[in-house]
Amino acid sequence: MRCRILALVLTIFFTGAAGAQQPCAMKQRWSDDPPYSMKLADGRVVGIYVDLLREALGRMGCSTVLVEMPWARAVAELQAGRLDVLPGMLRNAERESFARFAPERWHSRNLLFAHVDAKDRWPREKLDEIRHSGFKLGAQIGVKYGPDFAALDSDPGFHRLLELGSSRMRLWQMLQKHRIDGLIADEWTARYELARLGMQDEVRATGIVLSVEAAAIAFSKASVKADFVERFNAVTEAMDREGRYRAIVRKYTQESPAGN
């Protein structure tokens, strides 16, 4: 009888010890969205979000398991707890019911980029100046660029200066051919694409900021505890102090984040 009890105790002990030593692996969504996440020719998945989370979670003793999936499915998987972490999620009350959000310290801006040959027509302070300068603006169909653009979008006169395109790459090509003078784009996406198109000397970021959105990191409440997110917050704060965010952004955009 004593032998059976001892065997049971040892089984429970070693089972518990094995469970405590199980590696920490966080399932993270990615999609082809350079420079935030992308697959290289050798099959490696890299990018700003990928590198940031890989380093932050690595400092916590965790690995990342990258899962490619469309956005809508990723939100549903996060809610169900089958996905642990989803970068780039905008915070709202509905999502807070199923996600824990890390502090929104990594920002991405929508800026007006313009051809240097059109500098005499660049707006200086506000986007609505283009109504008087004749600046031809490109924008993607269905993309929201912030309240200033939305206000102008209801003006028929503004639409005469607006060229809508289905893809940003098509708009860059139109800019290169001087069919438009500029376009609105995410700051880091634009710098990455301009470098690869060889247009970085032809196009500059103007001083016009259309929106500043925080790139929130969302963790599933169903699979990630609150204290884990608190530890993650401390780690990313340390990374900011050390300049790791600036270094990772510079790696993919050849620029450091504005204001740093």
Protein backbone atom coordinates (compact mmCIF):
# COMPACT_ATOMS: atom_id res chain seq x y z
CA MET A 1 0.00 0.00 0.00
CA ARG A 2 2.79 2.38 0.95
CA CYS A 3 4.56 1.60 -2.31
CA ARG A 4 1.45 2.51 -4.30
CA ILE A 5 1.07 5.80 -2.40
CA LEU A 6 4.75 6.64 -2.90
CA ALA A 7 4.48 5.86 -6.61
CA LEU A 8 1.42 8.11 -6.90
CA VAL A 9 3.19 10.98 -5.11
CA LEU A 10 6.24 10.64 -7.35
CA THR A 11 4.05 10.57 -10.47
CA ILE A 12 2.27 13.78 -9.42
CA PHE A 13 5.59 15.45 -8.55
CA PHE A 14 7.32 14.63 -11.80
CA THR A 15 4.23 15.41 -13.87
CA GLY A 16 4.02 18.82 -12.22
CA ALA A 17 7.72 19.45 -12.69
CA ALA A 18 7.52 18.54 -16.35
CA GLY A 19 4.57 20.87 -16.81
CA ALA A 20 6.41 23.72 -15.13
CA GLN A 21 9.34 23.23 -17.48
CA GLN A 22 7.28 23.27 -20.65
CA PRO A 23 8.67 25.90 -23.05
CA CYS A 24 6.80 29.17 -23.51
CA ALA A 25 5.68 29.44 -27.14
CA MET A 26 3.42 32.29 -28.29
CA LYS A 27 1.38 31.92 -31.47
CA GLN A 28 1.65 35.18 -33.43
CA ARG A 29 -0.18 36.16 -36.60
CA TRP A 30 1.69 37.50 -39.61
CA SER A 31 0.81 38.39 -43.20
CA ASP A 32 2.67 39.80 -46.18
CA ASP A 33 2.77 43.48 -45.17
CA PRO A 34 6.30 44.90 -45.61
CA PRO A 35 8.09 46.28 -43.69
CA TYR A 36 6.02 45.08 -40.72
CA SER A 37 6.08 41.39 -41.69
CA MET A 38 7.28 39.60 -44.81
CA LYS A 39 8.87 36.40 -46.05
CA LEU A 40 12.39 36.53 -47.50
CA ALA A 41 13.61 34.46 -50.43
CA ASP A 42 15.23 32.00 -48.02
CA GLY A 43 11.86 31.41 -46.30
CA ARG A 44 12.55 33.41 -43.14
CA VAL A 45 9.75 35.68 -41.87
CA VAL A 46 11.03 39.06 -40.67
CA GLY A 47 9.86 42.67 -40.32
CA ILE A 48 9.35 45.41 -37.75
CA TYR A 49 6.54 43.67 -35.85
CA VAL A 50 8.15 40.25 -36.18
CA ASP A 51 11.56 41.40 -34.95
CA LEU A 52 10.15 43.50 -32.11
CA LEU A 53 8.01 40.70 -30.73
CA ARG A 54 10.66 38.05 -31.29
CA GLU A 55 13.15 40.04 -29.22
CA ALA A 56 10.68 41.13 -26.52
CA LEU A 57 9.24 37.65 -26.02
CA GLY A 58 12.71 36.13 -26.24
CA ARG A 59 13.80 38.28 -23.30
CA MET A 60 10.89 36.72 -21.39
CA GLY A 61 12.04 33.21 -22.21
CA CYS A 62 9.40 32.68 -24.90
CA SER A 63 9.60 31.76 -28.55
CA THR A 64 7.21 32.92 -31.29
CA VAL A 65 5.29 30.54 -33.50
CA LEU A 66 4.37 32.52 -36.60
CA VAL A 67 1.03 31.69 -38.20
CA GLU A 68 0.06 33.27 -41.52
CA MET A 69 -3.61 34.19 -41.72
CA PRO A 70 -5.92 36.98 -42.94
CA TRP A 71 -6.89 39.75 -40.53
CA ALA A 72 -10.54 38.81 -39.92
CA ARG A 73 -9.63 35.23 -39.07
CA ALA A 74 -6.81 36.40 -36.79
CA VAL A 75 -9.23 38.51 -34.74
CA ALA A 76 -11.56 35.51 -34.35
CA GLU A 77 -8.66 33.21 -33.42
CA LEU A 78 -7.42 35.70 -30.83
CA GLN A 79 -10.89 35.88 -29.29
CA ALA A 80 -11.06 32.08 -29.13
CA GLY A 81 -7.59 31.77 -27.59
CA ARG A 82 -6.15 29.80 -30.48
CA LEU A 83 -3.91 32.79 -31.28
CA ASP A 84 -1.92 34.39 -28.47
CA VAL A 85 -0.68 37.68 -29.87
CA LEU A 86 -1.83 39.98 -32.68
CA PRO A 87 0.28 43.07 -33.47
CA GLY A 88 -1.11 46.19 -35.13
CA MET A 89 -4.61 46.00 -33.62
CA LEU A 90 -6.54 49.21 -32.97
CA ARG A 91 -7.95 49.37 -29.46
CA ASN A 92 -11.68 49.77 -28.83
CA ALA A 93 -14.23 48.74 -26.21
CA GLU A 94 -15.42 45.68 -28.12
CA ARG A 95 -11.92 44.29 -28.54
CA GLU A 96 -11.03 44.98 -24.91
CA SER A 97 -13.63 42.36 -23.97
CA PHE A 98 -11.40 39.58 -25.35
CA ALA A 99 -7.92 41.15 -25.68
CA ARG A 100 -5.32 42.55 -23.30
CA PHE A 101 -3.50 45.49 -24.88
CA ALA A 102 0.11 46.40 -24.26
CA PRO A 103 0.82 50.15 -23.99
CA GLU A 104 0.54 51.85 -27.36
CA ARG A 105 4.13 53.06 -27.54
CA TRP A 106 5.00 52.18 -31.14
CA HIS A 107 3.35 54.68 -33.48
CA SER A 108 2.79 54.70 -37.22
CA ARG A 109 1.87 57.90 -39.03
CA ASN A 110 0.02 58.54 -42.28
CA LEU A 111 2.07 61.22 -44.05
CA LEU A 112 1.80 63.10 -47.32
CA PHE A 113 4.69 62.10 -49.58
CA ALA A 114 5.36 64.30 -52.62
CA HIS A 115 7.61 64.52 -55.66
CA VAL A 116 10.45 67.00 -55.31
CA ASP A 117 9.58 68.49 -58.72
CA ALA A 118 6.22 69.63 -57.29
CA LYS A 119 7.69 71.35 -54.25
CA ASP A 120 6.22 74.73 -55.19
CA ARG A 121 2.76 73.15 -54.87
CA TRP A 122 3.36 71.27 -51.60
CA PRO A 123 0.97 72.21 -48.78
CA ARG A 124 2.88 73.79 -45.91
CA GLU A 125 0.58 73.44 -42.92
CA LYS A 126 -2.69 71.69 -43.86
CA LEU A 127 -3.80 69.31 -46.56
CA ASP A 128 -6.67 71.56 -47.68
CA GLU A 129 -4.11 73.99 -49.13
CA ILE A 130 -3.95 71.77 -52.21
CA ARG A 131 -7.37 73.06 -53.28
CA HIS A 132 -5.70 76.37 -54.17
CA SER A 133 -2.29 75.16 -55.35
CA GLY A 134 -3.50 72.59 -57.89
CA PHE A 135 -1.55 69.79 -56.18
CA LYS A 136 -2.71 66.43 -57.60
CA LEU A 137 -3.15 63.90 -54.82
CA GLY A 138 -3.19 60.11 -55.01
CA ALA A 139 -5.00 57.88 -52.50
CA GLN A 140 -6.00 54.22 -52.27
CA ILE A 141 -9.61 53.24 -52.71
CA GLY A 142 -11.32 52.40 -49.42
CA VAL A 143 -8.41 53.42 -47.15
CA LYS A 144 -9.12 55.78 -44.23
CA TYR A 145 -6.46 58.46 -43.80
CA GLY A 146 -7.79 60.44 -40.84
CA PRO A 147 -10.24 63.27 -40.13
CA ASP A 148 -8.58 65.95 -42.30
CA PHE A 149 -8.80 63.78 -45.39
CA ALA A 150 -12.36 62.70 -44.52
CA ALA A 151 -13.46 66.35 -44.30
CA LEU A 152 -12.01 67.14 -47.72
CA ASP A 153 -13.42 63.96 -49.21
CA SER A 154 -16.93 65.44 -49.02
CA ASP A 155 -15.88 68.47 -51.13
CA PRO A 156 -16.55 68.06 -54.90
CA GLY A 157 -13.79 70.55 -55.66
CA PHE A 158 -11.29 68.39 -53.80
CA HIS A 159 -12.23 65.37 -55.92
CA ARG A 160 -11.08 67.14 -59.06
CA LEU A 161 -7.55 67.01 -57.61
CA LEU A 162 -7.84 63.44 -56.33
CA GLU A 163 -6.65 60.34 -58.17
CA LEU A 164 -7.84 57.09 -56.61
CA GLY A 165 -5.96 53.85 -57.15
CA SER A 166 -6.52 50.25 -56.17
CA SER A 167 -2.90 49.72 -55.09
CA ARG A 168 -0.20 51.88 -53.58
CA MET A 169 2.41 50.52 -56.01
CA ARG A 170 0.31 51.81 -58.89
CA LEU A 171 0.19 55.23 -57.23
CA TRP A 172 3.98 55.32 -56.79
CA GLN A 173 4.31 54.60 -60.52
CA MET A 174 1.91 57.45 -61.31
CA LEU A 175 3.95 59.74 -59.08
CA GLN A 176 7.14 58.79 -60.87
CA LYS A 177 5.49 59.65 -64.21
CA HIS A 178 4.27 63.01 -62.79
CA ARG A 179 0.62 62.06 -63.27
CA ILE A 180 0.13 62.95 -59.59
CA ASP A 181 2.20 65.18 -57.30
CA GLY A 182 1.97 63.14 -54.13
CA LEU A 183 0.16 60.47 -52.16
CA ILE A 184 -0.74 59.56 -48.59
CA ALA A 185 0.93 56.49 -47.10
CA ASP A 186 1.99 54.90 -43.85
CA GLU A 187 5.39 56.31 -42.93
CA TRP A 188 7.42 53.12 -42.64
CA THR A 189 5.65 51.32 -45.48
CA ALA A 190 6.38 54.27 -47.78
CA ARG A 191 10.06 54.49 -46.86
CA TYR A 192 10.48 50.75 -47.38
CA GLU A 193 8.74 50.80 -50.79
CA LEU A 194 10.49 53.94 -52.04
CA ALA A 195 13.89 52.43 -51.27
CA ARG A 196 13.05 49.29 -53.20
CA LEU A 197 11.65 51.25 -56.14
CA GLY A 198 14.75 53.46 -56.20
CA MET A 199 12.60 56.56 -55.74
CA GLN A 200 13.94 57.81 -52.41
CA ASP A 201 15.73 60.73 -54.12
CA GLU A 202 12.63 61.75 -56.08
CA VAL A 203 10.09 61.65 -53.25
CA ARG A 204 10.12 63.26 -49.83
CA ALA A 205 7.87 63.20 -46.78
CA THR A 206 6.21 66.58 -46.41
CA GLY A 207 5.35 68.10 -43.06
CA ILE A 208 1.70 67.10 -43.43
CA VAL A 209 0.63 64.43 -40.92
CA LEU A 210 -2.82 63.00 -41.64
CA SER A 211 -3.09 60.67 -38.68
CA VAL A 212 -1.04 59.12 -35.90
CA GLU A 213 -2.15 55.66 -34.92
CA ALA A 214 -0.57 53.57 -32.21
CA ALA A 215 0.49 50.09 -33.21
CA ALA A 216 -1.09 48.22 -30.32
CA ILE A 217 -0.01 44.69 -29.42
CA ALA A 218 -3.05 42.60 -28.47
CA PHE A 219 -2.88 39.43 -26.37
CA SER A 220 -5.72 36.94 -26.05
CA LYS A 221 -7.47 37.00 -22.67
CA ALA A 222 -8.34 33.35 -23.23
CA SER A 223 -4.69 32.23 -23.37
CA VAL A 224 -2.53 34.98 -21.84
CA LYS A 225 -2.67 36.11 -18.21
CA ALA A 226 -2.61 39.76 -17.14
CA ASP A 227 0.74 39.42 -15.31
CA PHE A 228 2.37 38.20 -18.53
CA VAL A 229 1.31 41.40 -20.31
CA GLU A 230 2.64 43.45 -17.39
CA ARG A 231 6.02 41.74 -17.79
CA PHE A 232 5.88 42.33 -21.54
CA ASN A 233 5.23 46.03 -20.88
CA ALA A 234 8.32 46.26 -18.69
CA VAL A 235 10.45 44.51 -21.31
CA THR A 236 9.32 46.76 -24.18
CA GLU A 237 9.83 49.85 -22.04
CA ALA A 238 13.42 48.73 -21.50
CA MET A 239 13.82 48.11 -25.24
CA ASP A 240 12.70 51.67 -25.93
CA ARG A 241 15.22 53.07 -23.47
CA GLU A 242 17.97 51.01 -25.08
CA GLY A 243 17.10 52.24 -28.57
CA ARG A 244 16.10 48.81 -29.85
CA TYR A 245 12.87 50.08 -31.46
CA ARG A 246 14.80 52.74 -33.36
CA ALA A 247 17.38 50.20 -34.48
CA ILE A 248 14.78 47.73 -35.78
CA VAL A 249 12.86 50.42 -37.68
CA ARG A 250 16.11 51.74 -39.17
CA LYS A 251 17.01 48.23 -40.32
CA TYR A 252 13.97 48.09 -42.62
CA THR A 253 13.49 51.76 -43.55
CA GLN A 254 16.99 53.28 -43.37
CA GLU A 255 15.40 55.91 -41.16
CA SER A 256 14.97 56.34 -37.40
CA PRO A 257 11.48 57.08 -36.06
CA ALA A 258 10.57 60.76 -36.07
CA GLY A 259 11.14 62.43 -32.74
CA ASN A 260 13.79 59.93 -31.65
